[in-house]
Protein backbone atom coordinates (compact mmCIF):
# COMPACT_ATOMS: atom_id res chain seq x y z
CA MET A 1 136.69 172.52 -82.74
CA ALA A 2 136.78 173.56 -86.39
CA THR A 3 134.74 171.56 -88.88
CA ASN A 4 136.37 170.41 -92.09
CA TRP A 5 133.69 170.93 -94.73
CA GLY A 6 136.11 170.18 -97.55
CA SER A 7 135.60 166.40 -97.60
CA LEU A 8 131.81 166.75 -97.46
CA LEU A 9 131.79 169.31 -100.24
CA GLN A 10 133.84 166.94 -102.41
CA ASP A 11 131.32 164.09 -102.04
CA GLU A 12 128.43 165.06 -104.33
CA GLN A 13 126.31 162.04 -103.39
CA GLN A 14 126.66 162.74 -99.67
CA LEU A 15 125.91 166.42 -100.25
CA GLU A 16 122.73 165.57 -102.19
CA GLU A 17 121.59 163.25 -99.39
CA LEU A 18 122.26 165.96 -96.80
CA ALA A 19 120.23 168.45 -98.86
CA ARG A 20 117.34 165.97 -99.17
CA GLN A 21 117.33 165.35 -95.42
CA ALA A 22 117.48 169.08 -94.72
CA VAL A 23 114.47 169.72 -96.99
CA ASP A 24 112.53 166.90 -95.30
CA ARG A 25 113.37 168.38 -91.90
CA ALA A 26 112.31 171.87 -93.01
CA LEU A 27 108.97 170.49 -94.22
CA ALA A 28 108.47 168.51 -91.00
CA GLU A 29 109.28 171.56 -88.84
CA GLY A 30 106.89 173.81 -90.77
CA VAL A 31 109.49 176.02 -92.43
CA LEU A 32 107.07 176.65 -95.26
CA LEU A 33 106.03 179.29 -97.77
CA ARG A 34 103.06 179.44 -100.06
CA THR A 35 104.01 179.11 -103.71
CA SER A 36 103.78 181.89 -106.28
CA GLN A 37 101.54 179.62 -108.38
CA GLU A 38 99.01 179.23 -105.50
CA PRO A 39 99.64 182.28 -103.25
CA THR A 40 96.35 181.99 -101.36
CA SER A 41 96.37 178.23 -100.80
CA SER A 42 97.69 176.57 -97.66
CA GLU A 43 97.41 173.24 -99.46
CA VAL A 44 100.26 173.98 -101.88
CA VAL A 45 103.48 174.99 -100.12
CA SER A 46 107.22 174.78 -100.49
CA TYR A 47 110.02 174.98 -97.96
CA ALA A 48 111.52 178.36 -97.13
CA PRO A 49 115.03 179.01 -98.43
CA PHE A 50 117.88 178.05 -96.11
CA THR A 51 121.57 177.25 -96.25
CA LEU A 52 123.14 173.89 -95.50
CA PHE A 53 126.30 175.37 -94.07
CA PRO A 54 127.15 178.40 -91.96
CA SER A 55 127.91 181.56 -93.89
CA LEU A 56 131.22 183.26 -93.35
CA VAL A 57 130.86 186.79 -92.00
CA PRO A 58 133.85 189.11 -91.79
CA SER A 59 134.69 189.74 -88.14
CA ALA A 60 134.46 193.53 -88.58
CA LEU A 61 130.84 193.20 -89.75
CA LEU A 62 130.04 190.80 -86.93
CA GLU A 63 131.42 193.31 -84.42
CA GLN A 64 129.27 196.05 -86.00
CA ALA A 65 126.20 193.85 -85.60
CA TYR A 66 127.06 193.21 -81.94
CA ALA A 67 127.58 196.94 -81.38
CA VAL A 68 124.07 197.89 -82.58
CA GLN A 69 122.21 194.85 -81.25
CA MET A 70 120.95 196.46 -78.03
CA ASP A 71 119.81 199.64 -79.79
CA PHE A 72 118.10 197.62 -82.51
CA ASN A 73 116.29 195.48 -79.92
CA LEU A 74 115.10 198.62 -78.12
CA LEU A 75 113.86 200.04 -81.43
CA VAL A 76 111.95 196.87 -82.30
CA ASP A 77 110.43 196.83 -78.81
CA ALA A 78 109.36 200.48 -79.06
CA VAL A 79 107.82 199.96 -82.51
CA SER A 80 105.97 196.85 -81.33
CA GLN A 81 104.33 198.89 -78.56
CA ASN A 82 103.24 201.80 -80.78
CA ALA A 83 99.90 200.64 -82.19
CA ALA A 84 99.23 203.81 -84.19
CA PHE A 85 102.65 203.70 -85.84
CA LEU A 86 102.26 199.99 -86.66
CA GLU A 87 98.82 200.48 -88.16
CA GLN A 88 99.93 203.45 -90.25
CA THR A 89 103.12 201.75 -91.42
CA LEU A 90 101.50 198.41 -92.21
CA SER A 91 98.24 199.76 -93.65
CA SER A 92 99.07 199.04 -97.30
CA THR A 93 100.50 195.62 -96.45
CA ILE A 94 97.44 194.74 -94.36
CA LYS A 95 95.24 195.50 -97.37
CA GLN A 96 97.24 193.22 -99.67
CA ASP A 97 98.53 190.40 -97.46
CA ASP A 98 96.05 188.15 -95.64
CA PHE A 99 98.68 186.75 -93.28
CA THR A 100 99.78 190.20 -92.09
CA ALA A 101 96.15 191.30 -91.85
CA ARG A 102 95.32 188.33 -89.60
CA LEU A 103 98.36 188.96 -87.41
CA PHE A 104 97.45 192.62 -87.07
CA HIS A 105 93.85 191.69 -86.21
CA ILE A 106 95.19 189.45 -83.42
CA HIS A 107 97.44 192.31 -82.27
CA LYS A 108 94.47 194.70 -82.07
CA GLN A 109 92.36 192.10 -80.27
CA VAL A 110 95.08 191.57 -77.65
CA LEU A 111 95.35 195.33 -77.15
CA LYS A 112 91.57 195.56 -76.73
CA GLU A 113 91.25 192.61 -74.32
CA GLY A 114 94.52 193.16 -72.49
CA ILE A 115 97.46 190.82 -72.13
CA ALA A 116 96.46 187.72 -70.17
CA GLN A 117 99.68 185.76 -70.60
CA CYS A 118 102.17 185.73 -67.75
CA CYS A 119 105.57 187.13 -68.52
CA GLY A 120 108.89 186.07 -67.11
CA ALA A 121 109.63 183.42 -64.52
CA THR A 122 106.24 183.36 -62.82
CA ASP A 123 103.75 180.67 -61.96
CA CYS A 124 100.33 181.66 -63.33
CA SER A 125 98.38 178.99 -61.47
CA ARG A 126 95.13 179.53 -59.56
CA GLU A 127 97.08 180.64 -56.49
CA GLY A 128 97.97 183.74 -58.46
CA LYS A 129 101.23 185.01 -59.79
CA LYS A 130 104.14 183.97 -57.69
CA HIS A 131 107.80 184.27 -58.49
CA ILE A 132 109.53 180.95 -59.07
């Protein structure tokens, strides 16, 4: 069913209320960014940018995105598993960005200790891994 945004877009008061509710929801859900005025403080934050309405995408571009999705996912997976490449590529960012540095430290710690989390549809109870 198609949505008629026209009437909503005509009602400025309703649109402002929708935007206010969306910002409140973003803040409640933790969709946050540190501010440029206080870039190292977690006490001063703002909501991350978002759109209220879906963006129109030409169907040809959408089909291109679908066509490369599997290859892109494989690339991201391969990069995520290449620790040396990640460290080399992110080295300057790790030096400048505390958040990325902490994430990369966690990544290195997991590699060192080994992955303890169960993957897929398994039960990781004391009885051991068993397929559900």
